[in-house]
Amino acid sequence: MSVQTEFEFVLPKGYIDDEGTLHRNGSMRMATAMDEIMPLRDPRVRDNEAYLVIVLLTRVITRLGDLEKVTPRIVENMFAADIAFLQDFYQQINELEDRSIVTVCPNCGHQYEVGVPFLGES
């Protein structure tokens, strides 16, 4: 069984580099637990929690146009619409497809489906 771990995207606005080149096509990989843990150790995130998204996106964007590497400086200078798009895209590719389980009532034996919340959800 093969699992797709990298996904292509096209930014709605695009990143304009220092030479004026527009970069819109890219790819993002699925996040690992470490991708979500490491930014919490970053002093920029400790100083400003809003910076978390910058560091996280830097870790999971694998390609943007013909740039050699996506850095925090690049993500910092993206248009707000592109950051919002990337956050939504991140959620889509990392979302659990089925967040429910089938369980059996111990009293009557009836089977039913129960939604399973993410950690921290109620």
N, C-alpha and C. Protein backbone atom coordinates (compact mmCIF):
# COMPACT_ATOMS: atom_id res chain seq x y z
N MET A 1 0.84 -1.18 0.00
CA MET A 1 0.00 0.00 0.00
C MET A 1 0.89 1.24 0.00
N SER A 2 0.56 2.19 -0.84
CA SER A 2 1.34 3.42 -0.97
C SER A 2 0.54 4.59 -0.40
N VAL A 3 1.22 5.45 0.32
CA VAL A 3 0.59 6.62 0.91
C VAL A 3 1.21 7.87 0.29
N GLN A 4 0.37 8.74 -0.23
CA GLN A 4 0.88 9.99 -0.79
C GLN A 4 1.25 10.91 0.37
N THR A 5 2.49 11.39 0.38
CA THR A 5 2.95 12.24 1.48
C THR A 5 3.31 13.64 1.02
N GLU A 6 3.33 13.89 -0.28
CA GLU A 6 3.67 15.21 -0.80
C GLU A 6 2.60 15.64 -1.79
N PHE A 7 2.21 16.92 -1.71
CA PHE A 7 1.09 17.42 -2.49
C PHE A 7 1.46 18.74 -3.16
N GLU A 8 1.05 18.88 -4.42
CA GLU A 8 1.31 20.10 -5.20
C GLU A 8 0.29 21.17 -4.85
N PHE A 9 0.71 22.44 -4.95
CA PHE A 9 -0.22 23.54 -4.76
C PHE A 9 0.16 24.70 -5.68
N VAL A 10 -0.78 25.62 -5.86
CA VAL A 10 -0.55 26.86 -6.59
C VAL A 10 -1.04 27.99 -5.69
N LEU A 11 -0.14 28.88 -5.30
CA LEU A 11 -0.51 30.00 -4.44
C LEU A 11 -1.47 30.94 -5.17
N PRO A 12 -2.44 31.49 -4.47
CA PRO A 12 -3.38 32.41 -5.11
C PRO A 12 -2.71 33.70 -5.60
N LYS A 13 -1.76 34.23 -4.86
CA LYS A 13 -1.06 35.47 -5.24
C LYS A 13 0.36 35.17 -5.72
N GLY A 14 1.11 34.46 -4.91
CA GLY A 14 2.49 34.10 -5.25
C GLY A 14 3.49 34.93 -4.50
N TYR A 15 4.65 34.34 -4.30
CA TYR A 15 5.76 35.01 -3.62
C TYR A 15 6.64 35.69 -4.65
N ILE A 16 6.97 36.95 -4.42
CA ILE A 16 7.85 37.70 -5.32
C ILE A 16 9.21 37.83 -4.65
N ASP A 17 10.24 37.24 -5.27
CA ASP A 17 11.58 37.28 -4.68
C ASP A 17 12.26 38.62 -4.91
N ASP A 18 13.48 38.76 -4.42
CA ASP A 18 14.23 40.02 -4.50
C ASP A 18 14.50 40.47 -5.93
N GLU A 19 14.51 39.52 -6.87
CA GLU A 19 14.75 39.86 -8.28
C GLU A 19 13.45 40.16 -9.02
N GLY A 20 12.31 40.07 -8.32
CA GLY A 20 11.02 40.34 -8.94
C GLY A 20 10.37 39.14 -9.59
N THR A 21 10.93 37.95 -9.39
CA THR A 21 10.36 36.73 -9.97
C THR A 21 9.19 36.25 -9.11
N LEU A 22 8.09 35.91 -9.77
CA LEU A 22 6.91 35.41 -9.09
C LEU A 22 6.99 33.89 -8.98
N HIS A 23 6.78 33.37 -7.78
CA HIS A 23 6.80 31.93 -7.51
C HIS A 23 5.42 31.53 -6.97
N ARG A 24 4.70 30.70 -7.73
CA ARG A 24 3.36 30.30 -7.31
C ARG A 24 3.22 28.79 -7.13
N ASN A 25 3.93 28.00 -7.93
CA ASN A 25 3.80 26.54 -7.86
C ASN A 25 4.74 25.99 -6.81
N GLY A 26 4.21 25.07 -6.01
CA GLY A 26 5.04 24.48 -4.98
C GLY A 26 4.51 23.13 -4.55
N SER A 27 5.15 22.59 -3.53
CA SER A 27 4.68 21.34 -2.94
C SER A 27 4.89 21.38 -1.44
N MET A 28 4.04 20.64 -0.77
CA MET A 28 4.09 20.55 0.69
C MET A 28 3.98 19.09 1.06
N ARG A 29 4.76 18.68 2.05
CA ARG A 29 4.68 17.30 2.51
C ARG A 29 3.84 17.24 3.78
N MET A 30 3.36 16.06 4.07
CA MET A 30 2.62 15.86 5.31
C MET A 30 3.55 16.12 6.49
N ALA A 31 3.00 16.62 7.56
CA ALA A 31 3.79 16.94 8.75
C ALA A 31 4.03 15.71 9.60
N THR A 32 5.16 15.72 10.27
CA THR A 32 5.47 14.70 11.27
C THR A 32 5.24 15.31 12.65
N ALA A 33 5.27 14.47 13.65
CA ALA A 33 5.14 14.98 15.02
C ALA A 33 6.26 15.98 15.31
N MET A 34 7.46 15.69 14.83
CA MET A 34 8.59 16.58 15.09
C MET A 34 8.40 17.94 14.42
N ASP A 35 7.73 17.96 13.25
CA ASP A 35 7.45 19.23 12.59
C ASP A 35 6.60 20.13 13.47
N GLU A 36 5.74 19.54 14.27
CA GLU A 36 4.88 20.34 15.13
C GLU A 36 5.52 20.62 16.49
N ILE A 37 6.48 19.81 16.89
CA ILE A 37 7.16 20.00 18.18
C ILE A 37 8.30 21.01 18.08
N MET A 38 9.13 20.89 17.05
CA MET A 38 10.33 21.72 16.93
C MET A 38 10.04 23.23 16.94
N PRO A 39 9.02 23.71 16.26
CA PRO A 39 8.78 25.16 16.31
C PRO A 39 8.54 25.68 17.72
N LEU A 40 8.02 24.85 18.61
CA LEU A 40 7.77 25.29 19.98
C LEU A 40 9.06 25.56 20.74
N ARG A 41 10.16 25.02 20.26
CA ARG A 41 11.48 25.26 20.86
C ARG A 41 12.16 26.49 20.28
N ASP A 42 11.62 27.02 19.20
CA ASP A 42 12.22 28.16 18.50
C ASP A 42 12.01 29.43 19.32
N PRO A 43 13.08 30.19 19.60
CA PRO A 43 12.94 31.42 20.40
C PRO A 43 12.01 32.45 19.76
N ARG A 44 11.92 32.46 18.43
CA ARG A 44 11.01 33.41 17.77
C ARG A 44 9.56 33.08 18.08
N VAL A 45 9.26 31.79 18.21
CA VAL A 45 7.91 31.35 18.56
C VAL A 45 7.63 31.63 20.04
N ARG A 46 8.64 31.44 20.88
CA ARG A 46 8.48 31.72 22.31
C ARG A 46 8.22 33.21 22.54
N ASP A 47 8.83 34.06 21.74
CA ASP A 47 8.63 35.50 21.85
C ASP A 47 7.30 35.95 21.27
N ASN A 48 6.82 35.23 20.25
CA ASN A 48 5.60 35.62 19.55
C ASN A 48 4.94 34.36 19.01
N GLU A 49 3.88 33.90 19.65
CA GLU A 49 3.21 32.66 19.25
C GLU A 49 2.73 32.69 17.81
N ALA A 50 2.43 33.85 17.28
CA ALA A 50 1.96 33.97 15.90
C ALA A 50 3.03 33.51 14.90
N TYR A 51 4.29 33.50 15.33
CA TYR A 51 5.39 33.08 14.46
C TYR A 51 5.41 31.57 14.23
N LEU A 52 4.63 30.84 15.01
CA LEU A 52 4.57 29.38 14.88
C LEU A 52 4.25 28.96 13.45
N VAL A 53 3.28 29.61 12.84
CA VAL A 53 2.88 29.24 11.48
C VAL A 53 4.03 29.43 10.49
N ILE A 54 4.84 30.45 10.69
CA ILE A 54 5.99 30.71 9.80
C ILE A 54 6.97 29.56 9.87
N VAL A 55 7.35 29.18 11.09
CA VAL A 55 8.33 28.11 11.27
C VAL A 55 7.77 26.77 10.79
N LEU A 56 6.52 26.51 11.09
CA LEU A 56 5.90 25.24 10.67
C LEU A 56 5.83 25.13 9.15
N LEU A 57 5.38 26.18 8.48
CA LEU A 57 5.31 26.14 7.02
C LEU A 57 6.69 26.00 6.40
N THR A 58 7.68 26.63 6.99
CA THR A 58 9.05 26.50 6.49
C THR A 58 9.51 25.04 6.52
N ARG A 59 9.08 24.31 7.51
CA ARG A 59 9.48 22.90 7.65
C ARG A 59 8.80 21.99 6.63
N VAL A 60 7.54 22.30 6.24
CA VAL A 60 6.80 21.35 5.42
C VAL A 60 6.69 21.72 3.94
N ILE A 61 6.98 22.98 3.58
CA ILE A 61 6.99 23.34 2.16
C ILE A 61 8.30 22.83 1.57
N THR A 62 8.19 21.92 0.63
CA THR A 62 9.39 21.28 0.07
C THR A 62 9.89 21.96 -1.20
N ARG A 63 9.00 22.73 -1.84
CA ARG A 63 9.39 23.41 -3.07
C ARG A 63 8.49 24.61 -3.28
N LEU A 64 9.08 25.70 -3.77
CA LEU A 64 8.31 26.87 -4.16
C LEU A 64 9.00 27.47 -5.38
N GLY A 65 8.36 27.32 -6.53
CA GLY A 65 8.96 27.79 -7.78
C GLY A 65 10.32 27.16 -7.97
N ASP A 66 11.29 28.00 -8.36
CA ASP A 66 12.65 27.47 -8.54
C ASP A 66 13.59 27.90 -7.42
N LEU A 67 13.02 28.27 -6.26
CA LEU A 67 13.85 28.63 -5.11
C LEU A 67 14.57 27.40 -4.59
N GLU A 68 15.81 27.58 -4.16
CA GLU A 68 16.59 26.45 -3.65
C GLU A 68 16.02 25.92 -2.35
N LYS A 69 15.58 26.82 -1.47
CA LYS A 69 15.09 26.42 -0.16
C LYS A 69 14.06 27.45 0.30
N VAL A 70 13.02 27.00 0.99
CA VAL A 70 12.04 27.90 1.57
C VAL A 70 12.49 28.21 2.99
N THR A 71 12.74 29.47 3.26
CA THR A 71 13.25 29.92 4.55
C THR A 71 12.17 30.71 5.29
N PRO A 72 12.35 30.93 6.60
CA PRO A 72 11.41 31.78 7.32
C PRO A 72 11.28 33.17 6.69
N ARG A 73 12.36 33.73 6.19
CA ARG A 73 12.31 35.05 5.56
C ARG A 73 11.36 35.05 4.36
N ILE A 74 11.40 33.98 3.58
CA ILE A 74 10.51 33.87 2.43
C ILE A 74 9.05 33.82 2.89
N VAL A 75 8.75 32.96 3.85
CA VAL A 75 7.38 32.83 4.32
C VAL A 75 6.91 34.14 4.97
N GLU A 76 7.79 34.82 5.70
CA GLU A 76 7.45 36.11 6.32
C GLU A 76 7.02 37.13 5.28
N ASN A 77 7.58 37.06 4.09
CA ASN A 77 7.32 38.05 3.06
C ASN A 77 6.25 37.63 2.06
N MET A 78 5.54 36.56 2.34
CA MET A 78 4.42 36.16 1.49
C MET A 78 3.22 37.03 1.79
N PHE A 79 2.33 37.14 0.82
CA PHE A 79 1.08 37.86 1.02
C PHE A 79 0.21 37.11 2.02
N ALA A 80 -0.58 37.84 2.79
CA ALA A 80 -1.45 37.24 3.80
C ALA A 80 -2.39 36.20 3.18
N ALA A 81 -2.88 36.47 1.97
CA ALA A 81 -3.78 35.53 1.29
C ALA A 81 -3.07 34.19 1.05
N ASP A 82 -1.79 34.23 0.73
CA ASP A 82 -1.04 33.00 0.49
C ASP A 82 -0.79 32.24 1.79
N ILE A 83 -0.53 32.97 2.88
CA ILE A 83 -0.35 32.32 4.19
C ILE A 83 -1.65 31.62 4.59
N ALA A 84 -2.77 32.30 4.42
CA ALA A 84 -4.06 31.70 4.75
C ALA A 84 -4.31 30.45 3.90
N PHE A 85 -4.00 30.54 2.60
CA PHE A 85 -4.14 29.40 1.71
C PHE A 85 -3.28 28.23 2.19
N LEU A 86 -2.01 28.50 2.54
CA LEU A 86 -1.09 27.45 2.98
C LEU A 86 -1.54 26.83 4.29
N GLN A 87 -2.09 27.62 5.20
CA GLN A 87 -2.60 27.07 6.45
C GLN A 87 -3.76 26.12 6.18
N ASP A 88 -4.67 26.52 5.30
CA ASP A 88 -5.79 25.65 4.94
C ASP A 88 -5.30 24.38 4.25
N PHE A 89 -4.34 24.53 3.36
CA PHE A 89 -3.78 23.38 2.63
C PHE A 89 -3.11 22.42 3.62
N TYR A 90 -2.36 22.96 4.58
CA TYR A 90 -1.72 22.15 5.62
C TYR A 90 -2.78 21.34 6.37
N GLN A 91 -3.87 21.99 6.75
CA GLN A 91 -4.94 21.28 7.46
C GLN A 91 -5.53 20.17 6.61
N GLN A 92 -5.75 20.44 5.32
CA GLN A 92 -6.34 19.44 4.43
C GLN A 92 -5.47 18.21 4.30
N ILE A 93 -4.17 18.39 4.08
CA ILE A 93 -3.33 17.22 3.82
C ILE A 93 -2.96 16.47 5.10
N ASN A 94 -3.13 17.10 6.26
CA ASN A 94 -2.79 16.45 7.52
C ASN A 94 -4.00 15.99 8.32
N GLU A 95 -5.19 16.23 7.78
CA GLU A 95 -6.42 15.86 8.47
C GLU A 95 -6.63 14.36 8.42
N LEU A 96 -7.12 13.81 9.51
CA LEU A 96 -7.50 12.40 9.53
C LEU A 96 -8.72 12.23 8.66
N GLU A 97 -8.72 11.20 7.84
CA GLU A 97 -9.85 10.97 6.94
C GLU A 97 -11.05 10.44 7.71
N ASP A 98 -10.83 9.57 8.66
CA ASP A 98 -11.95 8.99 9.40
C ASP A 98 -11.67 9.15 10.89
N ARG A 99 -12.41 10.02 11.51
CA ARG A 99 -12.21 10.29 12.93
C ARG A 99 -13.31 9.66 13.76
N SER A 100 -13.68 8.45 13.41
CA SER A 100 -14.72 7.76 14.17
C SER A 100 -14.33 6.29 14.33
N ILE A 101 -14.91 5.69 15.35
CA ILE A 101 -14.69 4.26 15.59
C ILE A 101 -16.05 3.61 15.82
N VAL A 102 -16.12 2.33 15.55
CA VAL A 102 -17.33 1.56 15.85
C VAL A 102 -17.13 0.94 17.23
N THR A 103 -18.11 1.12 18.07
CA THR A 103 -18.03 0.58 19.42
C THR A 103 -19.30 -0.20 19.74
N VAL A 104 -19.26 -0.97 20.80
CA VAL A 104 -20.40 -1.81 21.19
C VAL A 104 -20.80 -1.44 22.61
N CYS A 105 -22.10 -1.25 22.80
CA CYS A 105 -22.63 -0.97 24.14
C CYS A 105 -22.44 -2.22 25.01
N PRO A 106 -21.80 -2.08 26.18
CA PRO A 106 -21.56 -3.26 27.02
C PRO A 106 -22.84 -3.83 27.64
N ASN A 107 -23.90 -3.02 27.67
CA ASN A 107 -25.15 -3.50 28.29
C ASN A 107 -26.05 -4.24 27.31
N CYS A 108 -26.26 -3.64 26.10
CA CYS A 108 -27.23 -4.24 25.18
C CYS A 108 -26.58 -4.87 23.94
N GLY A 109 -25.28 -4.61 23.72
CA GLY A 109 -24.59 -5.20 22.58
C GLY A 109 -24.80 -4.46 21.27
N HIS A 110 -25.51 -3.33 21.30
CA HIS A 110 -25.76 -2.53 20.09
C HIS A 110 -24.46 -1.89 19.61
N GLN A 111 -24.20 -2.00 18.29
CA GLN A 111 -23.03 -1.36 17.69
C GLN A 111 -23.41 0.04 17.19
N TYR A 112 -22.51 0.99 17.41
CA TYR A 112 -22.74 2.34 16.91
C TYR A 112 -21.40 3.03 16.67
N GLU A 113 -21.44 4.09 15.87
CA GLU A 113 -20.24 4.84 15.51
C GLU A 113 -20.11 6.06 16.42
N VAL A 114 -18.87 6.28 16.89
CA VAL A 114 -18.59 7.40 17.79
C VAL A 114 -17.48 8.23 17.19
N GLY A 115 -17.66 9.56 17.15
CA GLY A 115 -16.61 10.45 16.69
C GLY A 115 -15.48 10.52 17.70
N VAL A 116 -14.26 10.56 17.20
CA VAL A 116 -13.08 10.62 18.06
C VAL A 116 -12.46 12.01 17.92
N PRO A 117 -12.41 12.78 19.00
CA PRO A 117 -11.83 14.12 18.90
C PRO A 117 -10.30 14.07 18.84
N PHE A 118 -9.71 15.13 18.28
CA PHE A 118 -8.27 15.27 18.33
C PHE A 118 -7.85 15.58 19.75
N LEU A 119 -6.57 15.37 20.08
CA LEU A 119 -6.08 15.73 21.40
C LEU A 119 -6.37 17.20 21.65
N GLY A 120 -6.88 17.51 22.82
CA GLY A 120 -7.19 18.90 23.16
C GLY A 120 -8.58 19.32 22.77
N GLU A 121 -9.27 18.53 21.93
CA GLU A 121 -10.66 18.84 21.58
C GLU A 121 -11.59 18.19 22.60
N SER A 122 -12.79 18.71 22.69
CA SER A 122 -13.76 18.05 23.58
C SER A 122 -14.98 17.63 22.80
